[in-house]
């Protein structure tokens, strides 16, 4: 019975250490944006102001919302901190882009 006690402690510490291991930070990374001559390189896609909003959606993903669903001129990607503003034409070309920078959330 005395030989089981140290073994139990070792296994308990090993399981606790496994669950406390830091998560792989690369999985949580967002696309990188690089600015150059009036265009934005997001991931591997180059986007330009004046391009149709569909190109921006293809690059940033479908997890977006409209600031006002009735007037769909501002599209927001909350998780990326990106907002694009479009013109009111049928093709909806992007006229301006905003990036919201904030510190990462602290884990508790």
PDB file of N, CA and C in Angstrom:
ATOM      1  N   UNK A   1       0.817  -1.185   0.000  1.00  0.00           N
ATOM      2  CA  UNK A   1       0.000   0.000   0.000  1.00  0.00           C
ATOM      3  C   UNK A   1       0.865   1.253   0.000  1.00  0.00           C
ATOM      4  N   UNK A   2       1.975   1.218   0.684  1.00  0.00           N
ATOM      5  CA  UNK A   2       2.857   2.380   0.713  1.00  0.00           C
ATOM      6  C   UNK A   2       3.463   2.668  -0.645  1.00  0.00           C
ATOM      7  N   UNK A   3       3.647   1.645  -1.482  1.00  0.00           N
ATOM      8  CA  UNK A   3       4.232   1.879  -2.804  1.00  0.00           C
ATOM      9  C   UNK A   3       3.220   2.516  -3.762  1.00  0.00           C
ATOM     10  N   UNK A   4       1.931   2.409  -3.495  1.00  0.00           N
ATOM     11  CA  UNK A   4       0.914   3.026  -4.353  1.00  0.00           C
ATOM     12  C   UNK A   4       0.813   4.530  -4.119  1.00  0.00           C
ATOM     13  N   UNK A   5       1.066   4.969  -2.905  1.00  0.00           N
ATOM     14  CA  UNK A   5       0.920   6.385  -2.589  1.00  0.00           C
ATOM     15  C   UNK A   5       1.854   7.265  -3.429  1.00  0.00           C
ATOM     16  N   UNK A   6       3.179   6.978  -3.496  1.00  0.00           N
ATOM     17  CA  UNK A   6       4.054   7.816  -4.341  1.00  0.00           C
ATOM     18  C   UNK A   6       3.670   7.739  -5.822  1.00  0.00           C
ATOM     19  N   UNK A   7       3.230   6.565  -6.272  1.00  0.00           N
ATOM     20  CA  UNK A   7       2.814   6.412  -7.660  1.00  0.00           C
ATOM     21  C   UNK A   7       1.573   7.255  -7.952  1.00  0.00           C
ATOM     22  N   UNK A   8       0.650   7.303  -7.019  1.00  0.00           N
ATOM     23  CA  UNK A   8      -0.556   8.118  -7.164  1.00  0.00           C
ATOM     24  C   UNK A   8      -0.198   9.592  -7.252  1.00  0.00           C
ATOM     25  N   UNK A   9       0.736  10.033  -6.446  1.00  0.00           N
ATOM     26  CA  UNK A   9       1.160  11.430  -6.467  1.00  0.00           C
ATOM     27  C   UNK A   9       1.806  11.768  -7.807  1.00  0.00           C
ATOM     28  N   UNK A  10       2.659  10.883  -8.297  1.00  0.00           N
ATOM     29  CA  UNK A  10       3.333  11.125  -9.576  1.00  0.00           C
ATOM     30  C   UNK A  10       2.316  11.258 -10.696  1.00  0.00           C
ATOM     31  N   UNK A  11       1.335  10.345 -10.771  1.00  0.00           N
ATOM     32  CA  UNK A  11       0.321  10.416 -11.814  1.00  0.00           C
ATOM     33  C   UNK A  11      -0.561  11.658 -11.669  1.00  0.00           C
ATOM     34  N   UNK A  12      -0.885  12.020 -10.443  1.00  0.00           N
ATOM     35  CA  UNK A  12      -1.699  13.222 -10.215  1.00  0.00           C
ATOM     36  C   UNK A  12      -0.976  14.467 -10.704  1.00  0.00           C
ATOM     37  N   UNK A  13       0.302  14.570 -10.405  1.00  0.00           N
ATOM     38  CA  UNK A  13       1.080  15.725 -10.859  1.00  0.00           C
ATOM     39  C   UNK A  13       1.233  15.737 -12.376  1.00  0.00           C
ATOM     40  N   UNK A  14       1.408  14.571 -12.965  1.00  0.00           N
ATOM     41  CA  UNK A  14       1.553  14.487 -14.418  1.00  0.00           C
ATOM     42  C   UNK A  14       0.276  14.933 -15.119  1.00  0.00           C
ATOM     43  N   UNK A  15      -0.885  14.503 -14.639  1.00  0.00           N
ATOM     44  CA  UNK A  15      -2.152  14.910 -15.250  1.00  0.00           C
ATOM     45  C   UNK A  15      -2.409  16.399 -15.043  1.00  0.00           C
ATOM     46  N   UNK A  16      -2.070  16.924 -13.889  1.00  0.00           N
ATOM     47  CA  UNK A  16      -2.244  18.356 -13.629  1.00  0.00           C
ATOM     48  C   UNK A  16      -1.347  19.175 -14.549  1.00  0.00           C
ATOM     49  N   UNK A  17      -0.133  18.717 -14.773  1.00  0.00           N
ATOM     50  CA  UNK A  17       0.790  19.442 -15.643  1.00  0.00           C
ATOM     51  C   UNK A  17       0.303  19.420 -17.086  1.00  0.00           C
ATOM     52  N   UNK A  18      -0.283  18.323 -17.521  1.00  0.00           N
ATOM     53  CA  UNK A  18      -0.792  18.231 -18.893  1.00  0.00           C
ATOM     54  C   UNK A  18      -1.942  19.207 -19.112  1.00  0.00           C
ATOM     55  N   UNK A  19      -2.839  19.313 -18.165  1.00  0.00           N
ATOM     56  CA  UNK A  19      -3.981  20.201 -18.352  1.00  0.00           C
ATOM     57  C   UNK A  19      -3.583  21.661 -18.206  1.00  0.00           C
ATOM     58  N   UNK A  20      -2.469  21.957 -17.559  1.00  0.00           N
ATOM     59  CA  UNK A  20      -2.021  23.335 -17.374  1.00  0.00           C
ATOM     60  C   UNK A  20      -1.062  23.776 -18.476  1.00  0.00           C
ATOM     61  N   UNK A  21      -0.757  22.913 -19.426  1.00  0.00           N
ATOM     62  CA  UNK A  21       0.177  23.263 -20.491  1.00  0.00           C
ATOM     63  C   UNK A  21      -0.404  24.381 -21.347  1.00  0.00           C
ATOM     64  N   UNK A  22       0.431  25.316 -21.784  1.00  0.00           N
ATOM     65  CA  UNK A  22      -0.077  26.420 -22.611  1.00  0.00           C
ATOM     66  C   UNK A  22      -0.595  25.905 -23.950  1.00  0.00           C
ATOM     67  N   UNK A  23      -1.600  26.581 -24.458  1.00  0.00           N
ATOM     68  CA  UNK A  23      -2.171  26.211 -25.746  1.00  0.00           C
ATOM     69  C   UNK A  23      -1.229  26.677 -26.854  1.00  0.00           C
ATOM     70  N   UNK A  24      -1.297  26.025 -27.976  1.00  0.00           N
ATOM     71  CA  UNK A  24      -0.471  26.389 -29.119  1.00  0.00           C
ATOM     72  C   UNK A  24      -0.946  27.737 -29.653  1.00  0.00           C
ATOM     73  N   UNK A  25      -0.104  28.758 -29.539  1.00  0.00           N
ATOM     74  CA  UNK A  25      -0.483  30.118 -29.931  1.00  0.00           C
ATOM     75  C   UNK A  25      -0.707  30.234 -31.431  1.00  0.00           C
ATOM     76  N   UNK A  26      -0.089  29.379 -32.229  1.00  0.00           N
ATOM     77  CA  UNK A  26      -0.252  29.474 -33.673  1.00  0.00           C
ATOM     78  C   UNK A  26      -1.680  29.189 -34.110  1.00  0.00           C
ATOM     79  N   UNK A  27      -2.426  28.394 -33.360  1.00  0.00           N
ATOM     80  CA  UNK A  27      -3.804  28.084 -33.733  1.00  0.00           C
ATOM     81  C   UNK A  27      -4.706  29.302 -33.607  1.00  0.00           C
ATOM     82  N   UNK A  28      -4.402  30.205 -32.683  1.00  0.00           N
ATOM     83  CA  UNK A  28      -5.257  31.350 -32.418  1.00  0.00           C
ATOM     84  C   UNK A  28      -4.860  32.579 -33.230  1.00  0.00           C
ATOM     85  N   UNK A  29      -3.836  32.497 -34.060  1.00  0.00           N
ATOM     86  CA  UNK A  29      -3.377  33.657 -34.793  1.00  0.00           C
ATOM     87  C   UNK A  29      -4.386  34.082 -35.848  1.00  0.00           C
ATOM     88  N   UNK A  30      -4.466  35.384 -36.040  1.00  0.00           N
ATOM     89  CA  UNK A  30      -5.321  35.974 -37.055  1.00  0.00           C
ATOM     90  C   UNK A  30      -4.473  36.247 -38.296  1.00  0.00           C
ATOM     91  N   UNK A  31      -5.116  36.480 -39.444  1.00  0.00           N
ATOM     92  CA  UNK A  31      -4.341  36.785 -40.642  1.00  0.00           C
ATOM     93  C   UNK A  31      -3.515  38.051 -40.454  1.00  0.00           C
ATOM     94  N   UNK A  32      -2.361  38.084 -41.065  1.00  0.00           N
ATOM     95  CA  UNK A  32      -1.474  39.242 -40.994  1.00  0.00           C
ATOM     96  C   UNK A  32      -1.871  40.200 -42.114  1.00  0.00           C
ATOM     97  N   UNK A  33      -1.885  41.491 -41.811  1.00  0.00           N
ATOM     98  CA  UNK A  33      -2.187  42.504 -42.814  1.00  0.00           C
ATOM     99  C   UNK A  33      -0.940  43.349 -43.048  1.00  0.00           C
ATOM    100  N   UNK A  34      -0.575  43.507 -44.321  1.00  0.00           N
ATOM    101  CA  UNK A  34       0.555  44.358 -44.705  1.00  0.00           C
ATOM    102  C   UNK A  34       0.031  45.421 -45.667  1.00  0.00           C
ATOM    103  N   UNK A  35       0.445  46.675 -45.452  1.00  0.00           N
ATOM    104  CA  UNK A  35      -0.038  47.793 -46.255  1.00  0.00           C
ATOM    105  C   UNK A  35       1.035  48.209 -47.245  1.00  0.00           C
ATOM    106  N   UNK A  36       0.608  48.408 -48.516  1.00  0.00           N
ATOM    107  CA  UNK A  36       1.579  48.780 -49.533  1.00  0.00           C
ATOM    108  C   UNK A  36       0.879  49.491 -50.691  1.00  0.00           C
ATOM    109  N   UNK A  37       1.250  50.738 -50.936  1.00  0.00           N
ATOM    110  CA  UNK A  37       0.767  51.507 -52.092  1.00  0.00           C
ATOM    111  C   UNK A  37      -0.747  51.453 -52.290  1.00  0.00           C
ATOM    112  N   UNK A  38      -1.493  51.702 -51.245  1.00  0.00           N
ATOM    113  CA  UNK A  38      -2.948  51.756 -51.374  1.00  0.00           C
ATOM    114  C   UNK A  38      -3.643  50.415 -51.392  1.00  0.00           C
ATOM    115  N   UNK A  39      -2.907  49.351 -51.156  1.00  0.00           N
ATOM    116  CA  UNK A  39      -3.523  48.028 -51.087  1.00  0.00           C
ATOM    117  C   UNK A  39      -3.160  47.383 -49.752  1.00  0.00           C
ATOM    118  N   UNK A  40      -3.891  46.347 -49.428  1.00  0.00           N
ATOM    119  CA  UNK A  40      -3.666  45.610 -48.193  1.00  0.00           C
ATOM    120  C   UNK A  40      -3.441  44.150 -48.568  1.00  0.00           C
ATOM    121  N   UNK A  41      -2.363  43.584 -48.078  1.00  0.00           N
ATOM    122  CA  UNK A  41      -2.098  42.161 -48.275  1.00  0.00           C
ATOM    123  C   UNK A  41      -2.558  41.454 -47.007  1.00  0.00           C
ATOM    124  N   UNK A  42      -3.607  40.650 -47.129  1.00  0.00           N
ATOM    125  CA  UNK A  42      -4.158  39.909 -45.991  1.00  0.00           C
ATOM    126  C   UNK A  42      -3.945  38.435 -46.272  1.00  0.00           C
ATOM    127  N   UNK A  43      -3.105  37.813 -45.444  1.00  0.00           N
ATOM    128  CA  UNK A  43      -2.728  36.427 -45.729  1.00  0.00           C
ATOM    129  C   UNK A  43      -1.966  36.431 -47.036  1.00  0.00           C
ATOM    130  N   UNK A  44      -2.482  35.759 -48.040  1.00  0.00           N
ATOM    131  CA  UNK A  44      -1.831  35.731 -49.354  1.00  0.00           C
ATOM    132  C   UNK A  44      -2.642  36.477 -50.404  1.00  0.00           C
ATOM    133  N   UNK A  45      -3.724  37.158 -49.987  1.00  0.00           N
ATOM    134  CA  UNK A  45      -4.566  37.865 -50.945  1.00  0.00           C
ATOM    135  C   UNK A  45      -4.356  39.372 -50.860  1.00  0.00           C
ATOM    136  N   UNK A  46      -4.135  40.001 -52.010  1.00  0.00           N
ATOM    137  CA  UNK A  46      -3.972  41.454 -52.076  1.00  0.00           C
ATOM    138  C   UNK A  46      -5.332  42.071 -52.378  1.00  0.00           C
ATOM    139  N   UNK A  47      -5.733  43.010 -51.508  1.00  0.00           N
ATOM    140  CA  UNK A  47      -7.014  43.692 -51.667  1.00  0.00           C
ATOM    141  C   UNK A  47      -6.779  45.174 -51.849  1.00  0.00           C
ATOM    142  N   UNK A  48      -7.588  45.786 -52.694  1.00  0.00           N
ATOM    143  CA  UNK A  48      -7.430  47.200 -52.967  1.00  0.00           C
ATOM    144  C   UNK A  48      -8.721  47.935 -52.654  1.00  0.00           C
ATOM    145  N   UNK A  49      -8.564  49.178 -52.254  1.00  0.00           N
ATOM    146  CA  UNK A  49      -9.739  50.020 -52.102  1.00  0.00           C
ATOM    147  C   UNK A  49     -10.387  50.161 -53.474  1.00  0.00           C
ATOM    148  N   UNK A  50     -11.692  50.138 -53.505  1.00  0.00           N
ATOM    149  CA  UNK A  50     -12.417  50.180 -54.767  1.00  0.00           C
ATOM    150  C   UNK A  50     -12.775  48.812 -55.299  1.00  0.00           C
ATOM    151  N   UNK A  51     -12.218  47.759 -54.710  1.00  0.00           N
ATOM    152  CA  UNK A  51     -12.544  46.395 -55.130  1.00  0.00           C
ATOM    153  C   UNK A  51     -13.941  46.032 -54.624  1.00  0.00           C
ATOM    154  N   UNK A  52     -14.621  45.109 -55.297  1.00  0.00           N
ATOM    155  CA  UNK A  52     -15.931  44.670 -54.813  1.00  0.00           C
ATOM    156  C   UNK A  52     -15.818  44.053 -53.419  1.00  0.00           C
ATOM    157  N   UNK A  53     -16.851  44.232 -52.629  1.00  0.00           N
ATOM    158  CA  UNK A  53     -16.853  43.726 -51.260  1.00  0.00           C
ATOM    159  C   UNK A  53     -16.716  42.202 -51.224  1.00  0.00           C
ATOM    160  N   UNK A  54     -17.127  41.519 -52.271  1.00  0.00           N
ATOM    161  CA  UNK A  54     -17.004  40.053 -52.312  1.00  0.00           C
ATOM    162  C   UNK A  54     -15.552  39.605 -52.207  1.00  0.00           C
ATOM    163  N   UNK A  55     -14.624  40.384 -52.751  1.00  0.00           N
ATOM    164  CA  UNK A  55     -13.196  40.042 -52.644  1.00  0.00           C
ATOM    165  C   UNK A  55     -12.738  40.152 -51.192  1.00  0.00           C
ATOM    166  N   UNK A  56     -13.223  41.156 -50.481  1.00  0.00           N
ATOM    167  CA  UNK A  56     -12.871  41.320 -49.066  1.00  0.00           C
ATOM    168  C   UNK A  56     -13.471  40.196 -48.230  1.00  0.00           C
ATOM    169  N   UNK A  57     -14.700  39.814 -48.533  1.00  0.00           N
ATOM    170  CA  UNK A  57     -15.340  38.708 -47.803  1.00  0.00           C
ATOM    171  C   UNK A  57     -14.586  37.414 -48.052  1.00  0.00           C
ATOM    172  N   UNK A  58     -14.139  37.193 -49.288  1.00  0.00           N
ATOM    173  CA  UNK A  58     -13.370  35.976 -49.598  1.00  0.00           C
ATOM    174  C   UNK A  58     -12.071  35.929 -48.802  1.00  0.00           C
ATOM    175  N   UNK A  59     -11.441  37.088 -48.599  1.00  0.00           N
ATOM    176  CA  UNK A  59     -10.160  37.121 -47.879  1.00  0.00           C
ATOM    177  C   UNK A  59     -10.345  37.067 -46.373  1.00  0.00           C
ATOM    178  N   UNK A  60     -11.374  37.723 -45.848  1.00  0.00           N
ATOM    179  CA  UNK A  60     -11.541  37.830 -44.400  1.00  0.00           C
ATOM    180  C   UNK A  60     -12.476  36.784 -43.808  1.00  0.00           C
ATOM    181  N   UNK A  61     -13.252  36.125 -44.627  1.00  0.00           N
ATOM    182  CA  UNK A  61     -14.124  35.064 -44.131  1.00  0.00           C
ATOM    183  C   UNK A  61     -15.573  35.510 -43.999  1.00  0.00           C
ATOM    184  N   UNK A  62     -16.413  34.541 -43.762  1.00  0.00           N
ATOM    185  CA  UNK A  62     -17.857  34.787 -43.738  1.00  0.00           C
ATOM    186  C   UNK A  62     -18.390  35.108 -42.350  1.00  0.00           C
ATOM    187  N   UNK A  63     -17.516  35.248 -41.373  1.00  0.00           N
ATOM    188  CA  UNK A  63     -17.951  35.559 -40.008  1.00  0.00           C
ATOM    189  C   UNK A  63     -17.993  37.081 -39.817  1.00  0.00           C
ATOM    190  N   UNK A  64     -18.948  37.716 -40.482  1.00  0.00           N
ATOM    191  CA  UNK A  64     -19.080  39.167 -40.409  1.00  0.00           C
ATOM    192  C   UNK A  64     -20.526  39.532 -40.100  1.00  0.00           C
ATOM    193  N   UNK A  65     -20.724  40.821 -39.835  1.00  0.00           N
ATOM    194  CA  UNK A  65     -22.081  41.327 -39.618  1.00  0.00           C
ATOM    195  C   UNK A  65     -22.179  42.706 -40.242  1.00  0.00           C
ATOM    196  N   UNK A  66     -23.396  43.140 -40.469  1.00  0.00           N
ATOM    197  CA  UNK A  66     -23.632  44.492 -40.960  1.00  0.00           C
ATOM    198  C   UNK A  66     -23.894  45.389 -39.762  1.00  0.00           C
ATOM    199  N   UNK A  67     -23.320  46.588 -39.764  1.00  0.00           N
ATOM    200  CA  UNK A  67     -23.572  47.529 -38.686  1.00  0.00           C
ATOM    201  C   UNK A  67     -25.058  47.865 -38.623  1.00  0.00           C
ATOM    202  N   UNK A  68     -25.686  47.984 -39.772  1.00  0.00           N
ATOM    203  CA  UNK A  68     -27.121  48.208 -39.875  1.00  0.00           C
ATOM    204  C   UNK A  68     -27.643  47.285 -40.971  1.00  0.00           C
ATOM    205  N   UNK A  69     -28.371  46.217 -40.619  1.00  0.00           N
ATOM    206  CA  UNK A  69     -28.832  45.265 -41.632  1.00  0.00           C
ATOM    207  C   UNK A  69     -29.705  45.891 -42.728  1.00  0.00           C
ATOM    208  N   UNK A  70     -30.353  47.016 -42.429  1.00  0.00           N
ATOM    209  CA  UNK A  70     -31.198  47.663 -43.434  1.00  0.00           C
ATOM    210  C   UNK A  70     -30.382  48.477 -44.440  1.00  0.00           C
ATOM    211  N   UNK A  71     -29.250  49.013 -43.994  1.00  0.00           N
ATOM    212  CA  UNK A  71     -28.351  49.767 -44.870  1.00  0.00           C
ATOM    213  C   UNK A  71     -27.002  49.054 -44.815  1.00  0.00           C
ATOM    214  N   UNK A  72     -26.759  48.182 -45.758  1.00  0.00           N
ATOM    215  CA  UNK A  72     -25.609  47.289 -45.696  1.00  0.00           C
ATOM    216  C   UNK A  72     -24.340  47.941 -46.257  1.00  0.00           C
ATOM    217  N   UNK A  73     -24.014  49.126 -45.763  1.00  0.00           N
ATOM    218  CA  UNK A  73     -22.832  49.824 -46.263  1.00  0.00           C
ATOM    219  C   UNK A  73     -21.620  49.674 -45.350  1.00  0.00           C
ATOM    220  N   UNK A  74     -21.796  49.104 -44.169  1.00  0.00           N
ATOM    221  CA  UNK A  74     -20.665  48.889 -43.259  1.00  0.00           C
ATOM    222  C   UNK A  74     -20.674  47.430 -42.812  1.00  0.00           C
ATOM    223  N   UNK A  75     -19.583  46.729 -43.120  1.00  0.00           N
ATOM    224  CA  UNK A  75     -19.454  45.313 -42.779  1.00  0.00           C
ATOM    225  C   UNK A  75     -18.342  45.189 -41.744  1.00  0.00           C
ATOM    226  N   UNK A  76     -18.618  44.435 -40.688  1.00  0.00           N
ATOM    227  CA  UNK A  76     -17.680  44.330 -39.565  1.00  0.00           C
ATOM    228  C   UNK A  76     -17.315  42.871 -39.305  1.00  0.00           C
ATOM    229  N   UNK A  77     -16.013  42.619 -39.179  1.00  0.00           N
ATOM    230  CA  UNK A  77     -15.492  41.334 -38.727  1.00  0.00           C
ATOM    231  C   UNK A  77     -15.014  41.567 -37.298  1.00  0.00           C
ATOM    232  N   UNK A  78     -15.883  41.303 -36.331  1.00  0.00           N
ATOM    233  CA  UNK A  78     -15.568  41.590 -34.934  1.00  0.00           C
ATOM    234  C   UNK A  78     -14.332  40.848 -34.449  1.00  0.00           C
ATOM    235  N   UNK A  79     -14.214  39.569 -34.798  1.00  0.00           N
ATOM    236  CA  UNK A  79     -13.092  38.775 -34.293  1.00  0.00           C
ATOM    237  C   UNK A  79     -11.756  39.197 -34.901  1.00  0.00           C
ATOM    238  N   UNK A  80     -11.774  39.861 -36.055  1.00  0.00           N
ATOM    239  CA  UNK A  80     -10.544  40.319 -36.689  1.00  0.00           C
ATOM    240  C   UNK A  80     -10.261  41.791 -36.424  1.00  0.00           C
ATOM    241  N   UNK A  81     -11.280  42.528 -35.985  1.00  0.00           N
ATOM    242  CA  UNK A  81     -11.108  43.954 -35.767  1.00  0.00           C
ATOM    243  C   UNK A  81     -11.031  44.735 -37.060  1.00  0.00           C
ATOM    244  N   UNK A  82     -11.843  44.345 -38.041  1.00  0.00           N
ATOM    245  CA  UNK A  82     -11.833  44.993 -39.354  1.00  0.00           C
ATOM    246  C   UNK A  82     -13.250  45.435 -39.702  1.00  0.00           C
ATOM    247  N   UNK A  83     -13.352  46.639 -40.254  1.00  0.00           N
ATOM    248  CA  UNK A  83     -14.627  47.131 -40.777  1.00  0.00           C
ATOM    249  C   UNK A  83     -14.380  47.730 -42.154  1.00  0.00           C
ATOM    250  N   UNK A  84     -15.239  47.434 -43.109  1.00  0.00           N
ATOM    251  CA  UNK A  84     -15.145  48.042 -44.434  1.00  0.00           C
ATOM    252  C   UNK A  84     -16.423  48.821 -44.698  1.00  0.00           C
ATOM    253  N   UNK A  85     -16.261  49.917 -45.426  1.00  0.00           N
ATOM    254  CA  UNK A  85     -17.374  50.779 -45.790  1.00  0.00           C
ATOM    255  C   UNK A  85     -17.502  50.741 -47.305  1.00  0.00           C
ATOM    256  N   UNK A  86     -18.714  50.511 -47.783  1.00  0.00           N
ATOM    257  CA  UNK A  86     -18.937  50.372 -49.215  1.00  0.00           C
ATOM    258  C   UNK A  86     -19.762  51.541 -49.743  1.00  0.00           C
ATOM    259  N   UNK A  87     -19.737  51.678 -51.077  1.00  0.00           N
ATOM    260  CA  UNK A  87     -20.610  52.663 -51.690  1.00  0.00           C
ATOM    261  C   UNK A  87     -22.010  52.065 -51.797  1.00  0.00           C
ATOM    262  N   UNK A  88     -22.932  52.830 -52.268  1.00  0.00           N
ATOM    263  CA  UNK A  88     -24.319  52.369 -52.295  1.00  0.00           C
ATOM    264  C   UNK A  88     -24.726  51.764 -53.636  1.00  0.00           C
ATOM    265  N   UNK A  89     -23.763  51.498 -54.500  1.00  0.00           N
ATOM    266  CA  UNK A  89     -24.108  50.909 -55.792  1.00  0.00           C
ATOM    267  C   UNK A  89     -24.407  49.424 -55.625  1.00  0.00           C
ATOM    268  N   UNK A  90     -24.938  48.851 -56.666  1.00  0.00           N
ATOM    269  CA  UNK A  90     -25.281  47.420 -56.648  1.00  0.00           C
ATOM    270  C   UNK A  90     -24.053  46.539 -56.396  1.00  0.00           C
ATOM    271  N   UNK A  91     -22.912  46.920 -56.968  1.00  0.00           N
ATOM    272  CA  UNK A  91     -21.697  46.111 -56.837  1.00  0.00           C
ATOM    273  C   UNK A  91     -21.015  46.270 -55.487  1.00  0.00           C
ATOM    274  N   UNK A  92     -21.330  47.321 -54.750  1.00  0.00           N
ATOM    275  CA  UNK A  92     -20.781  47.588 -53.421  1.00  0.00           C
ATOM    276  C   UNK A  92     -19.258  47.486 -53.405  1.00  0.00           C
ATOM    277  N   UNK A  93     -18.613  48.503 -53.880  1.00  0.00           N
ATOM    278  CA  UNK A  93     -17.157  48.576 -53.850  1.00  0.00           C
ATOM    279  C   UNK A  93     -16.700  49.173 -52.513  1.00  0.00           C
ATOM    280  N   UNK A  94     -15.599  48.652 -51.993  1.00  0.00           N
ATOM    281  CA  UNK A  94     -15.070  49.118 -50.713  1.00  0.00           C
ATOM    282  C   UNK A  94     -14.423  50.486 -50.901  1.00  0.00           C
ATOM    283  N   UNK A  95     -14.893  51.455 -50.107  1.00  0.00           N
ATOM    284  CA  UNK A  95     -14.384  52.823 -50.186  1.00  0.00           C
ATOM    285  C   UNK A  95     -13.380  53.136 -49.082  1.00  0.00           C
ATOM    286  N   UNK A  96     -13.520  52.516 -47.920  1.00  0.00           N
ATOM    287  CA  UNK A  96     -12.553  52.714 -46.841  1.00  0.00           C
ATOM    288  C   UNK A  96     -12.549  51.500 -45.927  1.00  0.00           C
ATOM    289  N   UNK A  97     -11.452  51.366 -45.195  1.00  0.00           N
ATOM    290  CA  UNK A  97     -11.257  50.227 -44.299  1.00  0.00           C
ATOM    291  C   UNK A  97     -10.782  50.758 -42.959  1.00  0.00           C
ATOM    292  N   UNK A  98     -11.289  50.184 -41.885  1.00  0.00           N
ATOM    293  CA  UNK A  98     -10.842  50.533 -40.536  1.00  0.00           C
ATOM    294  C   UNK A  98     -10.324  49.282 -39.852  1.00  0.00           C
ATOM    295  N   UNK A  99      -9.217  49.432 -39.134  1.00  0.00           N
ATOM    296  CA  UNK A  99      -8.666  48.351 -38.335  1.00  0.00           C
ATOM    297  C   UNK A  99      -8.741  48.770 -36.877  1.00  0.00           C
ATOM    298  N   UNK A 100      -9.318  47.945 -36.054  1.00  0.00           N
ATOM    299  CA  UNK A 100      -9.458  48.216 -34.629  1.00  0.00           C
ATOM    300  C   UNK A 100      -8.395  47.400 -33.905  1.00  0.00           C
ATOM    301  N   UNK A 101      -7.456  48.078 -33.284  1.00  0.00           N
ATOM    302  CA  UNK A 101      -6.376  47.402 -32.570  1.00  0.00           C
ATOM    303  C   UNK A 101      -6.681  47.426 -31.084  1.00  0.00           C
ATOM    304  N   UNK A 102      -6.574  46.295 -30.455  1.00  0.00           N
ATOM    305  CA  UNK A 102      -6.805  46.198 -29.027  1.00  0.00           C
ATOM    306  C   UNK A 102      -5.872  45.150 -28.450  1.00  0.00           C
ATOM    307  N   UNK A 103      -5.551  45.291 -27.167  1.00  0.00           N
ATOM    308  CA  UNK A 103      -4.650  44.300 -26.561  1.00  0.00           C
ATOM    309  C   UNK A 103      -5.341  42.947 -26.467  1.00  0.00           C
ATOM    310  N   UNK A 104      -4.573  41.876 -26.485  1.00  0.00           N
ATOM    311  CA  UNK A 104      -5.178  40.542 -26.357  1.00  0.00           C
ATOM    312  C   UNK A 104      -5.858  40.383 -25.006  1.00  0.00           C
ATOM    313  N   UNK A 105      -6.910  39.591 -24.980  1.00  0.00           N
ATOM    314  CA  UNK A 105      -7.596  39.318 -23.727  1.00  0.00           C
ATOM    315  C   UNK A 105      -6.693  38.517 -22.817  1.00  0.00           C
ATOM    316  N   UNK A 106      -6.681  38.894 -21.553  1.00  0.00           N
ATOM    317  CA  UNK A 106      -5.869  38.158 -20.593  1.00  0.00           C
ATOM    318  C   UNK A 106      -6.627  36.926 -20.140  1.00  0.00           C
ATOM    319  N   UNK A 107      -5.945  35.813 -20.105  1.00  0.00           N
ATOM    320  CA  UNK A 107      -6.586  34.589 -19.635  1.00  0.00           C
ATOM    321  C   UNK A 107      -6.533  34.548 -18.124  1.00  0.00           C
ATOM    322  N   UNK A 108      -7.593  34.018 -17.546  1.00  0.00           N
ATOM    323  CA  UNK A 108      -7.636  33.976 -16.081  1.00  0.00           C
ATOM    324  C   UNK A 108      -7.496  32.565 -15.576  1.00  0.00           C
TER     325      UNK A 108
END
